[in-house]
Structures are given as structure tokens and as C-alpha cells.
Amino acid sequence: MTSDPDSPGELGESVPRVHPRRLPRPRRRELAARGSEIALVAAKHFGPLMLRELRHPRRARFAPQLVAHPLRLTYEELGGTFIKFGQIIASSPALFGDEAADEFRSCLDTGPVVPFALVRQQVEDDLGMELAEAYAEFDPEPVGRASIAVVYRARLHDGRDVAVKVLRPGIERLVATDIDLMQPFFELLAKQTGEQLAGSTLQLLDGFRRQIGEEMDLRNEARAMAHFRRLNADVGLDLLVVPEPYPELSGQNVLTMEYLDGVPIDDLARVGELGIDPAPLVEQVVRAFFLTVVRWGTFHGDVHAGNMLLLRDGRVGVIDWGIVGRLDRETHWFFLRILAAVLGEEAAWTDVTRHLVATYGPALQEAVGMSEEELTVFIRSMIEPILTKPFGEVSMAALMQATEAQVARAQGIEARQRSVRAIFRRLRHQRRIRRMADAAGGFETDFDRGNFLLGKQLMYFERYGKLFLADVPILNDRAFFEELLAGAATAGPDGTPPPG
């Protein structure tokens, strides 16, 4: 089943309609001014570290715990796109380590202050009415300051408590400028080094460029919330709450929605004060994620900790529906084959391997130095534990390191050897593999983006799972997942039955 929002038929009812906002093209002087600002802010926060390193040249250089603090200060001061990246670091210890994730925790709900006069003007211009006409009360102190928008608490004239999300004035120009500055840097870094983290960052930026236009029009988010509220009601996910949007008080730059009273689900101290067990709530969020992906190829695309609230009434609220993943036919089929393989369909592992090789070309097999059969075993060893082992035993970081080590062994290179010669050999090999994969056309495709976005959500779930479900695997209810898969489409990526 395709997830093209413009396609007709049943799917049109299962995917919310999206109309991205067109980003402006930054002028040269805007790029120059923002580039200078980035350089000055980075120099301010990294200057003391650089001076210490120069004074103590024999000390271990730029350890992650030393870099994380000035980097977080830099990101928070620059705002916009940088805060977005900080949020991903905060929610992805598997990629960046626990210390860096903890350092960037404030990025989940900390952005630059916006003068309230500008907020008032944005709301009144968007709604076409005075603030007092729209709301009986409007607290000028924000309850949330995110990267793209600021959230306020208000009360309607009928007494309902609401949250009002307001896009930061001028944010579209800032984000467009940041992306144009960052894109060539990460492209060069990924293609010239082939480093996995650089490639992941480039994938993130590529997806961000496409998604940000969707986030910049809050009417998309309002439609997504209404859509997923209906889905949750239809399948009986009673512990999961999606805020109700109020379209009559919403527009392109303003979104008025039901106010959810709760605390971030990874704020353990405040969660403990509520006396509510988060485990069944997290299980239901994971179940809802798989249900919507399997049935409709669509899902919340940014379930970091700041977007999951433990509510005082014992339910879990999922907020910030600005990013909604919509898998194309090929990626949806691929996801279903992975799930079928993990649930015991042996032939599906071959389907997974052959599709990856067809997508990324001979670079994939050359990178690991394996035949197709050996590669199938290796891919299985990477994927199966993530879904079948208890959260407490799963480490996506360790799996990524294992992949890196295998690539190094295939070329007779020690992955962690730090000599100049070893580093040069490793970078040269990684660069060649990256160029082969680029030539095959697998990177920066809908398939590549869809799988990257799915993987990002699994990293988020790993964090929650370790906190609350250490003894439970993702696929803990086998009967549920088998029934879910049995009711899904089984056609291949081109609409034909899958091979094998």
C-alpha cells in the first residue's frame, strides 16, 4: 500500500493531507550574516576549550564530555535548526552516548525567548481577530519554547483550557538559511570521509529539508492530530491521548489545541511524584506506532521525550505532530518483510538482503566483504535482536559499532586503530564505498529517508524501553503482531508478490 497523500482510494482516508509551506531562498547577505553569527557564537563557547587544549597538548583531545557542553550552549544560542539537532542528540544516546544526551536534555524544550508583542501580532494576524476575542485568558509566559514554535497556555470563553502553538516570527527565513549553510558542509564531510555519523547527519538534514515545509504550516499538524485521534479511537488505544485541535482558532502560523497536563516521560523525578507506572503506557505507544506503520505506512515521526507526556490522569499524551512519517510503497513493503522475517518467515530475510543490495548496489557487499548468503546472516544478526531481545539487553550503539568493525575487518583495517596510516586507509576505503553507493542511487531516496526516519523512532523507543521496560522486548505480544501482519498488504515494492 502506497502512502502517497495524493493517491486515491482507501489510502486517502488513512493518511492526513499535507501541503508544505514553501521556504524562501536566502539572499547572499543573509547567508553571510548567519555564517558570521555561527562562527562568532561557536568561537565564544569553544574558545575556552581551545585555550585549555593549547595549554595542555598532551591531554586527551576533545573528549565527548568536554565538547558536549559548549556545543549545547552554541546550539541553544543559535536556535532554529540547531535546536532541532540538539533535540535529536538529547533523545539518541545510542548514536551520541549517554553523557551527550543528558547534556542536550534542555534542547527538548528550550529555545530563544520571543517578545510577547510579536506573538500577539502573529496570533491576531493569523486568526483575524483580537487576542481577547479569541481567548478569555492568555498567559504571556510560554509553557514551552521549542525550535520552531512557542507554546502558551490559554482559556477559551467556554472555559476549556487550551495550548496555543505559535510559529516563531521569521523562523522560515532562519531555517532556510541554516539548511543552505549546513548542506554543503555535511555533503563534503560524508562524501570525502564516508564516516557513518557524517552520513547519518546528512540523511537527517536531507529529511529535515523536506519535512520542515510541512512543519511550517500548522494546519498540517491540526489535520494530523484529528486524523490520529480517529485512528486511536477506532482501534481502542484508550491509554494514548492525542490533543484535540480547534480549527476555528488555528491557521498557518497558530494552532489552538486541547491542553494536556503532564510531565515529560523521561523526567524520572516528576514521574515518580505522580505515582503512575509508565510501563504499560510506553507499551501502548510502541504498539500504536507499529499498528499505524503496518496498516497504513504512517506514524508520528518525532517521538522524542519532550513529545511524550505522562498525564496526571494516568494516560500518556503524544504531542507535536508536526512531523508525520509516510512510507512510500517500496519502504512500506520492506518494513513488512523485516517484521515477517523476525516473526519467523525465513524467506523474508533473503527478500530484505536482496532489496538492500539492489538499492545500494555492490557497495553494500563490498563494504562487509560477504556473499549474499553471508550478508543475509549478518543483517539478521543486526536487526533481529533489536525487536526480540528485552530492551535492557538491546544496544543500537553496539550494533552500529559491530557494523563498523565488520567493515574494517573486511578490508584488513583495525576499526579503532588511531595511527595516521590506519585512519588514512579507513577513510580512503569509506570514501570509495560511499561513492559506489552514491552511484547506485540509493542515498537520499524515499526509501533511504523512510528507513532513516523509522530507525530514529526505534532509537527513541530504546531510551524509553531501558527506563521502563528493561525486561520486555518490542515484539513482546507475538499474537498481536502476527495478526497485525496477516491483515497487511503482501505485494512487493512494484505491486507484485515478493520474490522467493
Protein backbone atom coordinates (compact mmCIF):
# COMPACT_ATOMS: atom_id res chain seq x y z
CA MET A 1 0.00 0.00 0.00
CA THR A 2 1.43 3.35 -1.01
CA SER A 3 1.46 6.35 1.28
CA ASP A 4 1.33 8.99 -1.39
CA PRO A 5 -1.08 11.57 0.11
CA ASP A 6 -2.41 12.36 -3.36
CA SER A 7 -3.26 8.77 -4.25
CA PRO A 8 -6.97 7.88 -4.45
CA GLY A 9 -8.99 5.23 -2.67
CA GLU A 10 -8.72 3.75 0.81
CA LEU A 11 -5.28 5.18 1.47
CA GLY A 12 -6.53 8.74 1.17
CA GLU A 13 -8.57 8.02 4.30
CA SER A 14 -5.56 6.68 6.23
CA VAL A 15 -3.03 9.43 5.57
CA PRO A 16 -3.61 13.06 6.59
CA ARG A 17 -3.44 15.60 3.78
CA VAL A 18 -0.27 17.69 3.69
CA HIS A 19 0.57 20.92 1.93
CA PRO A 20 4.14 22.02 2.73
CA ARG A 21 4.99 25.68 3.07
CA ARG A 22 7.49 26.93 0.52
CA LEU A 23 10.70 28.08 2.15
CA PRO A 24 12.22 31.35 0.95
CA ARG A 25 15.55 31.36 -0.87
CA PRO A 26 18.11 33.11 1.35
CA ARG A 27 19.92 36.07 -0.11
CA ARG A 28 23.71 36.19 -0.13
CA ARG A 29 23.86 38.80 2.58
CA GLU A 30 21.60 36.63 4.78
CA LEU A 31 23.90 33.65 4.30
CA ALA A 32 26.93 35.79 5.06
CA ALA A 33 25.36 37.33 8.17
CA ARG A 34 24.19 33.97 9.55
CA GLY A 35 27.53 32.35 8.75
CA SER A 36 29.31 35.08 10.68
CA GLU A 37 26.91 34.68 13.60
CA ILE A 38 27.51 30.93 13.70
CA ALA A 39 31.28 31.45 13.68
CA LEU A 40 31.17 34.07 16.46
CA VAL A 41 28.84 32.06 18.71
CA ALA A 42 30.91 28.88 18.24
CA ALA A 43 34.13 30.81 18.97
CA LYS A 44 32.61 32.26 22.14
CA HIS A 45 31.63 28.89 23.57
CA PHE A 46 34.52 26.81 22.25
CA GLY A 47 37.22 29.43 22.84
CA PRO A 48 37.94 28.43 26.47
CA LEU A 49 38.15 24.76 25.48
CA MET A 50 40.55 25.56 22.66
CA LEU A 51 42.75 27.59 25.02
CA ARG A 52 42.85 24.75 27.56
CA GLU A 53 43.79 22.29 24.84
CA LEU A 54 46.62 24.53 23.66
CA ARG A 55 47.92 24.83 27.21
CA HIS A 56 47.79 21.06 27.78
CA PRO A 57 48.59 19.49 24.40
CA ARG A 58 49.35 16.04 25.84
CA ARG A 59 45.94 15.63 27.39
CA ALA A 60 43.27 13.57 25.56
CA ARG A 61 41.93 15.98 22.99
CA PHE A 62 38.27 16.93 22.64
CA ALA A 63 36.76 14.14 24.68
CA PRO A 64 32.98 13.96 24.14
CA GLN A 65 32.19 15.09 27.68
CA LEU A 66 34.27 18.25 27.11
CA VAL A 67 32.72 19.07 23.73
CA ALA A 68 29.08 18.45 24.66
CA HIS A 69 28.66 21.44 26.98
CA PRO A 70 29.97 24.20 24.67
CA LEU A 71 28.21 22.56 21.73
CA ARG A 72 24.89 22.63 23.58
CA LEU A 73 25.37 26.29 24.52
CA THR A 74 26.18 27.05 20.88
CA TYR A 75 23.08 25.25 19.60
CA GLU A 76 20.78 26.92 22.12
CA GLU A 77 22.06 30.41 21.37
CA LEU A 78 21.80 29.92 17.61
CA GLY A 79 18.29 28.42 17.84
CA GLY A 80 16.27 27.28 14.81
CA THR A 81 17.77 24.30 13.04
CA PHE A 82 20.48 23.90 15.64
CA ILE A 83 17.94 23.32 18.41
CA LYS A 84 16.37 20.62 16.22
CA PHE A 85 19.69 18.83 16.01
CA GLY A 86 20.14 19.27 19.76
CA GLN A 87 16.80 17.54 20.33
CA ILE A 88 17.98 14.55 18.33
CA ILE A 89 21.21 14.32 20.34
CA ALA A 90 19.18 14.51 23.58
CA SER A 91 16.95 11.63 22.52
CA SER A 92 19.56 9.39 20.86
CA PRO A 93 22.14 8.09 23.36
CA ALA A 94 22.59 5.12 21.02
CA LEU A 95 24.17 7.46 18.48
CA PHE A 96 25.79 10.10 20.66
CA GLY A 97 26.31 8.50 24.09
CA ASP A 98 24.57 8.97 27.43
CA GLU A 99 26.65 11.96 28.53
CA ALA A 100 25.93 13.94 25.38
CA ALA A 101 22.23 13.00 25.50
CA ASP A 102 21.96 14.18 29.11
CA GLU A 103 23.76 17.43 28.32
CA PHE A 104 21.36 18.25 25.48
CA ARG A 105 18.23 17.41 27.50
CA SER A 106 17.37 21.11 27.81
CA CYS A 107 17.08 21.39 24.00
CA LEU A 108 13.86 19.37 24.15
CA ASP A 109 12.02 22.39 25.48
CA THR A 110 14.34 25.38 25.45
CA GLY A 111 14.55 27.91 22.66
CA PRO A 112 15.22 31.63 22.47
CA VAL A 113 12.65 33.94 24.09
CA VAL A 114 10.18 35.66 21.72
CA PRO A 115 8.87 39.14 22.70
CA PHE A 116 5.18 38.74 23.52
CA ALA A 117 4.25 41.73 21.35
CA LEU A 118 5.42 39.75 18.31
CA VAL A 119 3.49 36.68 19.47
CA ARG A 120 0.31 38.71 19.90
CA GLN A 121 0.70 40.19 16.43
CA GLN A 122 1.29 36.75 14.90
CA VAL A 123 -1.83 35.31 16.57
CA GLU A 124 -4.10 38.25 15.74
CA ASP A 125 -2.94 38.45 12.11
CA ASP A 126 -3.40 34.72 11.61
CA LEU A 127 -6.81 34.41 13.27
CA GLY A 128 -8.13 37.75 12.01
CA MET A 129 -9.35 38.82 15.46
CA GLU A 130 -8.12 40.48 18.63
CA LEU A 131 -6.49 38.22 21.21
CA ALA A 132 -9.27 38.95 23.72
CA GLU A 133 -11.91 37.97 21.19
CA ALA A 134 -10.29 34.58 20.60
CA TYR A 135 -9.33 33.75 24.20
CA ALA A 136 -10.80 34.64 27.59
CA GLU A 137 -7.32 34.36 29.13
CA PHE A 138 -3.87 34.11 27.52
CA ASP A 139 -0.80 33.65 29.72
CA PRO A 140 2.08 35.67 28.22
CA GLU A 141 4.66 33.32 29.78
CA PRO A 142 5.24 30.33 27.48
CA VAL A 143 4.90 26.79 28.79
CA GLY A 144 7.18 25.53 26.02
CA ARG A 145 9.89 27.07 23.85
CA ALA A 146 10.78 24.69 21.07
CA SER A 147 12.93 25.18 17.98
CA ILE A 148 10.22 26.17 15.52
CA ALA A 149 7.39 27.38 17.73
CA VAL A 150 6.49 28.68 21.19
CA VAL A 151 3.56 27.24 23.18
CA TYR A 152 1.30 29.19 25.55
CA ARG A 153 -1.49 28.22 27.90
CA ALA A 154 -4.83 29.93 27.40
CA ARG A 155 -8.53 29.57 28.21
CA LEU A 156 -11.43 29.78 25.81
CA HIS A 157 -14.58 31.74 26.54
CA ASP A 158 -16.43 28.46 27.23
CA GLY A 159 -13.91 27.59 29.96
CA ARG A 160 -11.82 24.98 28.12
CA ASP A 161 -8.08 25.05 28.82
CA VAL A 162 -6.04 25.09 25.62
CA ALA A 163 -2.46 25.17 24.42
CA VAL A 164 -1.67 27.70 21.70
CA LYS A 165 1.28 26.91 19.46
CA VAL A 166 2.70 29.92 17.61
CA LEU A 167 5.40 29.77 14.95
CA ARG A 168 8.41 31.91 15.77
CA PRO A 169 8.19 35.09 13.67
CA GLY A 170 10.70 34.91 10.80
CA ILE A 171 11.63 31.28 11.53
CA GLU A 172 11.18 30.21 7.90
CA ARG A 173 14.00 32.51 6.70
CA LEU A 174 16.27 31.44 9.55
CA VAL A 175 15.77 27.72 8.89
CA ALA A 176 16.16 28.12 5.12
CA THR A 177 19.44 29.96 5.68
CA ASP A 178 20.74 27.36 8.16
CA ILE A 179 19.98 24.48 5.80
CA ASP A 180 21.71 26.19 2.88
CA LEU A 181 24.79 26.72 5.05
CA MET A 182 24.86 23.22 6.54
CA GLN A 183 24.07 21.15 3.43
CA PRO A 184 27.37 21.61 1.53
CA PHE A 185 29.41 21.09 4.69
CA PHE A 186 27.82 17.75 5.59
CA GLU A 187 27.80 16.63 1.94
CA LEU A 188 31.54 17.24 1.76
CA LEU A 189 32.15 15.53 5.11
CA ALA A 190 30.09 12.45 4.19
CA LYS A 191 31.43 12.03 0.68
CA GLN A 192 35.06 12.76 1.48
CA THR A 193 35.27 10.67 4.66
CA GLY A 194 32.42 8.17 4.39
CA GLU A 195 32.09 8.31 8.18
CA GLN A 196 28.82 6.77 9.37
CA LEU A 197 27.97 9.65 11.73
CA ALA A 198 28.57 12.20 8.97
CA GLY A 199 26.37 10.19 6.64
CA SER A 200 23.65 9.93 9.29
CA THR A 201 23.78 13.67 9.83
CA LEU A 202 23.45 14.25 6.07
CA GLN A 203 20.44 11.92 6.00
CA LEU A 204 18.95 13.84 8.89
CA LEU A 205 19.46 17.15 7.12
CA ASP A 206 18.02 15.79 3.87
CA GLY A 207 14.90 14.62 5.66
CA PHE A 208 14.70 17.85 7.62
CA ARG A 209 14.77 19.93 4.45
CA ARG A 210 11.75 18.04 3.13
CA GLN A 211 9.85 17.91 6.41
CA ILE A 212 10.35 21.47 7.57
CA GLY A 213 7.97 22.90 4.98
CA GLU A 214 5.30 20.63 6.46
CA GLU A 215 6.08 21.83 9.99
CA MET A 216 5.95 25.46 8.91
CA ASP A 217 2.22 25.27 8.17
CA LEU A 218 0.43 24.38 11.41
CA ARG A 219 -2.72 23.41 9.50
CA ASN A 220 -0.88 20.22 8.55
CA GLU A 221 -0.34 19.42 12.22
CA ALA A 222 -4.01 20.12 13.02
CA ARG A 223 -5.11 17.66 10.31
CA ALA A 224 -2.60 15.07 11.55
CA MET A 225 -3.87 15.28 15.13
CA ALA A 226 -7.51 14.95 14.06
CA HIS A 227 -6.55 12.00 11.85
CA PHE A 228 -4.62 10.08 14.50
CA ARG A 229 -7.31 10.77 17.12
CA ARG A 230 -9.74 8.94 14.83
CA LEU A 231 -7.34 6.04 14.31
CA ASN A 232 -6.72 5.64 18.04
CA ALA A 233 -10.46 5.64 18.72
CA ASP A 234 -11.07 3.05 16.02
CA VAL A 235 -8.52 0.59 17.43
CA GLY A 236 -9.24 1.21 21.11
CA LEU A 237 -5.92 2.65 22.32
CA ASP A 238 -7.55 4.17 25.39
CA LEU A 239 -4.34 4.99 27.26
CA LEU A 240 -2.97 7.08 24.39
CA VAL A 241 -4.08 10.71 24.06
CA VAL A 242 -3.65 12.95 21.02
CA PRO A 243 -4.71 16.56 21.70
CA GLU A 244 -7.90 17.72 20.05
CA PRO A 245 -7.24 20.59 17.61
CA TYR A 246 -9.62 23.55 17.33
CA PRO A 247 -9.61 24.53 13.63
CA GLU A 248 -11.72 27.65 14.17
CA LEU A 249 -8.84 29.12 16.23
CA SER A 250 -6.00 27.79 14.09
CA GLY A 251 -4.24 28.83 10.89
CA GLN A 252 -0.92 28.64 9.10
CA ASN A 253 1.04 30.18 11.99
CA VAL A 254 -1.19 29.39 15.00
CA LEU A 255 -2.55 26.10 16.34
CA THR A 256 -5.03 26.00 19.22
CA MET A 257 -5.46 22.57 20.78
CA GLU A 258 -6.55 20.75 23.91
CA TYR A 259 -4.19 21.37 26.84
CA LEU A 260 -2.63 18.19 28.25
CA ASP A 261 -1.49 18.42 31.86
CA GLY A 262 1.52 16.18 32.37
CA VAL A 263 5.29 15.78 32.65
CA PRO A 264 7.88 14.52 30.14
CA ILE A 265 8.01 10.76 30.36
CA ASP A 266 11.77 10.63 30.94
CA ASP A 267 11.70 13.17 33.82
CA LEU A 268 12.02 10.40 36.38
CA ALA A 269 11.78 12.62 39.45
CA ARG A 270 8.48 14.20 38.39
CA VAL A 271 7.16 10.89 37.05
CA GLY A 272 7.86 9.38 40.47
CA GLU A 273 5.89 12.15 42.17
CA LEU A 274 2.79 11.23 40.14
CA GLY A 275 2.90 7.64 41.41
CA ILE A 276 1.90 6.24 37.99
CA ASP A 277 3.59 3.24 36.36
CA PRO A 278 4.71 4.40 32.88
CA ALA A 279 5.45 0.85 31.62
CA PRO A 280 2.00 -0.01 30.20
CA LEU A 281 1.77 3.47 28.69
CA VAL A 282 5.08 3.11 26.85
CA GLU A 283 3.98 -0.33 25.66
CA GLN A 284 0.83 1.20 24.20
CA VAL A 285 2.81 3.94 22.43
CA VAL A 286 5.07 1.29 20.85
CA ARG A 287 2.03 -0.79 19.89
CA ALA A 288 0.32 2.25 18.32
CA PHE A 289 3.49 3.02 16.35
CA PHE A 290 3.67 -0.47 14.82
CA LEU A 291 -0.06 -0.58 14.22
CA THR A 292 -0.12 2.59 12.13
CA VAL A 293 3.12 1.73 10.28
CA VAL A 294 1.97 -1.78 9.37
CA ARG A 295 -1.60 -0.91 8.43
CA TRP A 296 -1.11 2.45 6.75
CA GLY A 297 2.62 3.16 6.46
CA THR A 298 2.23 6.32 8.54
CA PHE A 299 3.46 7.27 12.03
CA HIS A 300 4.46 10.06 14.41
CA GLY A 301 7.91 10.99 13.12
CA ASP A 302 9.41 12.65 16.19
CA VAL A 303 8.62 10.75 19.39
CA HIS A 304 11.47 12.19 21.44
CA ALA A 305 10.99 12.51 25.20
CA GLY A 306 9.75 16.09 25.05
CA ASN A 307 6.81 14.93 22.93
CA MET A 308 5.59 12.20 25.32
CA LEU A 309 3.83 13.38 28.47
CA LEU A 310 2.78 11.27 31.42
CA LEU A 311 -0.62 12.76 32.22
CA ARG A 312 -1.95 13.21 35.74
CA ASP A 313 -4.99 11.07 34.91
CA GLY A 314 -2.79 8.02 34.22
CA ARG A 315 -2.68 8.19 30.43
CA VAL A 316 0.14 9.20 28.07
CA GLY A 317 -0.13 12.21 25.80
CA VAL A 318 1.68 12.32 22.46
CA ILE A 319 2.14 15.89 21.25
CA ASP A 320 3.87 17.80 18.45
CA TRP A 321 2.53 16.15 15.29
CA GLY A 322 4.50 18.46 13.01
CA ILE A 323 6.47 15.55 11.54
CA VAL A 324 4.42 12.59 10.30
CA GLY A 325 6.22 9.74 8.56
CA ARG A 326 4.54 8.50 5.36
CA LEU A 327 6.21 5.50 3.78
CA ASP A 328 6.14 5.03 0.02
CA ARG A 329 5.07 1.60 -1.33
CA GLU A 330 8.61 0.26 -1.53
CA THR A 331 9.60 1.23 2.01
CA HIS A 332 6.31 0.00 3.45
CA TRP A 333 6.80 -3.39 1.77
CA PHE A 334 10.38 -3.54 3.07
CA PHE A 335 9.23 -2.84 6.64
CA LEU A 336 6.61 -5.59 6.40
CA ARG A 337 9.23 -8.07 5.17
CA ILE A 338 11.51 -7.24 8.12
CA LEU A 339 8.64 -7.81 10.52
CA ALA A 340 7.70 -11.08 8.78
CA ALA A 341 11.32 -12.23 8.97
CA VAL A 342 11.61 -11.52 12.69
CA LEU A 343 8.30 -13.32 13.29
CA GLY A 344 9.69 -16.47 11.67
CA GLU A 345 9.32 -16.31 7.87
CA GLU A 346 12.83 -17.40 6.86
CA ALA A 347 12.47 -16.47 3.18
CA ALA A 348 11.78 -12.88 4.17
CA TRP A 349 15.41 -12.43 5.29
CA THR A 350 16.52 -13.13 1.72
CA ASP A 351 13.98 -10.58 0.43
CA VAL A 352 15.41 -7.98 2.81
CA THR A 353 19.00 -8.63 1.74
CA ARG A 354 18.29 -8.67 -2.00
CA HIS A 355 16.33 -5.44 -1.80
CA LEU A 356 19.14 -3.67 0.08
CA VAL A 357 21.72 -4.89 -2.45
CA ALA A 358 19.51 -3.81 -5.34
CA THR A 359 19.03 -0.37 -3.76
CA TYR A 360 22.59 0.43 -2.69
CA GLY A 361 24.44 -1.59 -5.33
CA PRO A 362 27.62 -3.66 -4.98
CA ALA A 363 28.96 -1.18 -2.41
CA LEU A 364 26.98 -2.92 0.32
CA GLN A 365 28.51 -6.37 -0.21
CA GLU A 366 31.97 -4.97 -0.85
CA ALA A 367 31.84 -2.93 2.34
CA VAL A 368 31.33 -6.00 4.53
CA GLY A 369 33.21 -8.47 2.30
CA MET A 370 30.41 -11.04 2.21
CA SER A 371 28.46 -13.17 -0.22
CA GLU A 372 24.68 -12.70 -0.39
CA GLU A 373 24.13 -15.64 1.97
CA GLU A 374 26.69 -14.34 4.47
CA LEU A 375 25.23 -10.85 4.20
CA THR A 376 21.76 -12.24 4.98
CA VAL A 377 23.08 -13.83 8.17
CA PHE A 378 24.85 -10.59 9.11
CA ILE A 379 21.77 -8.42 8.50
CA ARG A 380 19.70 -10.81 10.58
CA SER A 381 22.21 -10.58 13.42
CA MET A 382 21.85 -6.78 13.33
CA ILE A 383 18.06 -6.50 13.09
CA GLU A 384 16.64 -9.46 14.99
CA PRO A 385 17.99 -8.58 18.46
CA ILE A 386 16.52 -5.06 18.30
CA LEU A 387 13.00 -6.45 18.05
CA THR A 388 13.23 -9.71 20.00
CA LYS A 389 15.60 -9.10 22.92
CA PRO A 390 14.47 -7.27 26.08
CA PHE A 391 15.12 -3.54 25.97
CA GLY A 392 17.66 -3.89 28.75
CA GLU A 393 19.80 -6.12 26.53
CA VAL A 394 19.50 -4.07 23.34
CA SER A 395 22.07 -1.51 22.33
CA MET A 396 21.74 0.08 18.92
CA ALA A 397 25.07 1.80 19.54
CA ALA A 398 26.76 -1.59 19.96
CA LEU A 399 25.12 -2.88 16.78
CA MET A 400 26.35 0.14 14.84
CA GLN A 401 29.84 -0.38 16.23
CA ALA A 402 29.68 -4.03 15.21
CA THR A 403 28.83 -2.98 11.66
CA GLU A 404 31.75 -0.54 11.62
CA ALA A 405 34.08 -3.25 12.95
CA GLN A 406 32.93 -5.74 10.29
CA VAL A 407 33.55 -3.22 7.51
CA ALA A 408 37.04 -2.60 8.89
CA ARG A 409 37.81 -6.34 9.19
CA ALA A 410 36.70 -6.92 5.60
CA GLN A 411 39.45 -4.56 4.49
CA GLY A 412 42.07 -5.74 6.99
CA ILE A 413 41.79 -2.48 8.95
CA GLU A 414 41.53 -2.17 12.71
CA ALA A 415 38.41 -0.07 13.35
CA ARG A 416 39.76 1.66 16.46
CA GLN A 417 43.40 1.95 15.47
CA ARG A 418 44.36 5.62 15.65
CA SER A 419 47.64 5.72 13.73
CA VAL A 420 47.76 8.19 10.85
CA ARG A 421 48.24 5.35 8.35
CA ALA A 422 45.26 3.35 9.69
CA ILE A 423 43.00 6.39 9.72
CA PHE A 424 44.01 7.28 6.16
CA ARG A 425 43.35 3.73 4.92
CA ARG A 426 39.97 3.61 6.66
CA LEU A 427 38.86 6.99 5.30
CA ARG A 428 40.01 6.10 1.79
CA HIS A 429 38.03 2.87 1.86
CA GLN A 430 34.93 4.53 3.38
CA ARG A 431 35.09 7.27 0.75
CA ARG A 432 35.21 4.71 -2.07
CA ILE A 433 32.28 2.74 -0.65
CA ARG A 434 30.26 5.93 -0.22
CA ARG A 435 30.88 6.92 -3.84
CA MET A 436 29.83 3.47 -5.07
CA ALA A 437 26.60 3.72 -3.08
CA ASP A 438 26.01 7.24 -4.40
CA ALA A 439 26.44 5.93 -7.96
CA ALA A 440 23.86 3.20 -7.31
CA GLY A 441 21.33 5.89 -6.44
CA GLY A 442 20.26 4.53 -3.06
CA PHE A 443 21.02 7.58 -0.96
CA GLU A 444 18.59 10.48 -0.50
CA THR A 445 15.67 8.50 -1.95
CA ASP A 446 12.22 7.99 -0.41
CA PHE A 447 13.39 4.51 0.64
CA ASP A 448 16.53 5.88 2.31
CA ARG A 449 14.63 8.67 4.07
CA GLY A 450 11.81 6.42 5.21
CA ASN A 451 14.09 3.84 6.77
CA PHE A 452 16.20 6.50 8.43
CA LEU A 453 13.10 8.08 10.00
CA LEU A 454 11.90 4.65 11.18
CA GLY A 455 15.31 3.94 12.68
CA LYS A 456 15.27 7.26 14.52
CA GLN A 457 11.99 6.35 16.22
CA LEU A 458 13.41 2.96 17.27
CA MET A 459 16.33 4.77 18.90
CA TYR A 460 13.85 6.87 20.86
CA PHE A 461 11.96 3.73 21.91
CA GLU A 462 15.21 2.15 23.07
CA ARG A 463 15.64 5.01 25.53
CA TYR A 464 12.13 4.65 26.98
CA GLY A 465 12.41 0.88 26.99
CA LYS A 466 15.59 0.91 29.07
CA LEU A 467 13.91 3.25 31.55
CA PHE A 468 10.61 1.40 31.99
CA LEU A 469 10.57 -1.93 30.10
CA ALA A 470 14.03 -3.39 30.66
CA ASP A 471 12.72 -6.99 30.72
CA VAL A 472 10.33 -6.61 27.75
CA PRO A 473 11.17 -6.85 24.01
CA ILE A 474 9.49 -4.66 21.40
CA LEU A 475 7.69 -7.69 19.93
CA ASN A 476 6.54 -8.95 23.31
CA ASP A 477 2.98 -9.72 22.19
CA ARG A 478 3.66 -12.10 19.33
CA ALA A 479 -0.01 -12.88 18.68
CA PHE A 480 -0.80 -9.18 18.27
CA PHE A 481 2.00 -8.62 15.74
CA GLU A 482 1.21 -11.80 13.78
CA GLU A 483 -2.43 -10.79 13.49
CA LEU A 484 -1.42 -7.27 12.50
CA LEU A 485 0.93 -8.54 9.80
CA ALA A 486 -1.61 -11.05 8.50
CA GLY A 487 -4.02 -8.22 7.76
CA ALA A 488 -1.40 -6.09 5.94
CA ALA A 489 -0.70 -5.94 2.21
CA THR A 490 1.82 -8.52 0.95
CA ALA A 491 2.59 -7.15 -2.50
CA GLY A 492 6.19 -6.40 -3.41
CA PRO A 493 7.64 -2.92 -3.92
CA ASP A 494 6.49 -2.88 -7.55
CA GLY A 495 2.99 -4.16 -6.70
CA THR A 496 3.80 -7.82 -7.46
CA PRO A 497 4.12 -10.65 -4.92
CA PRO A 498 7.50 -10.54 -3.16
CA PRO A 499 10.33 -12.69 -4.58
CA GLY A 500 11.30 -16.05 -3.11
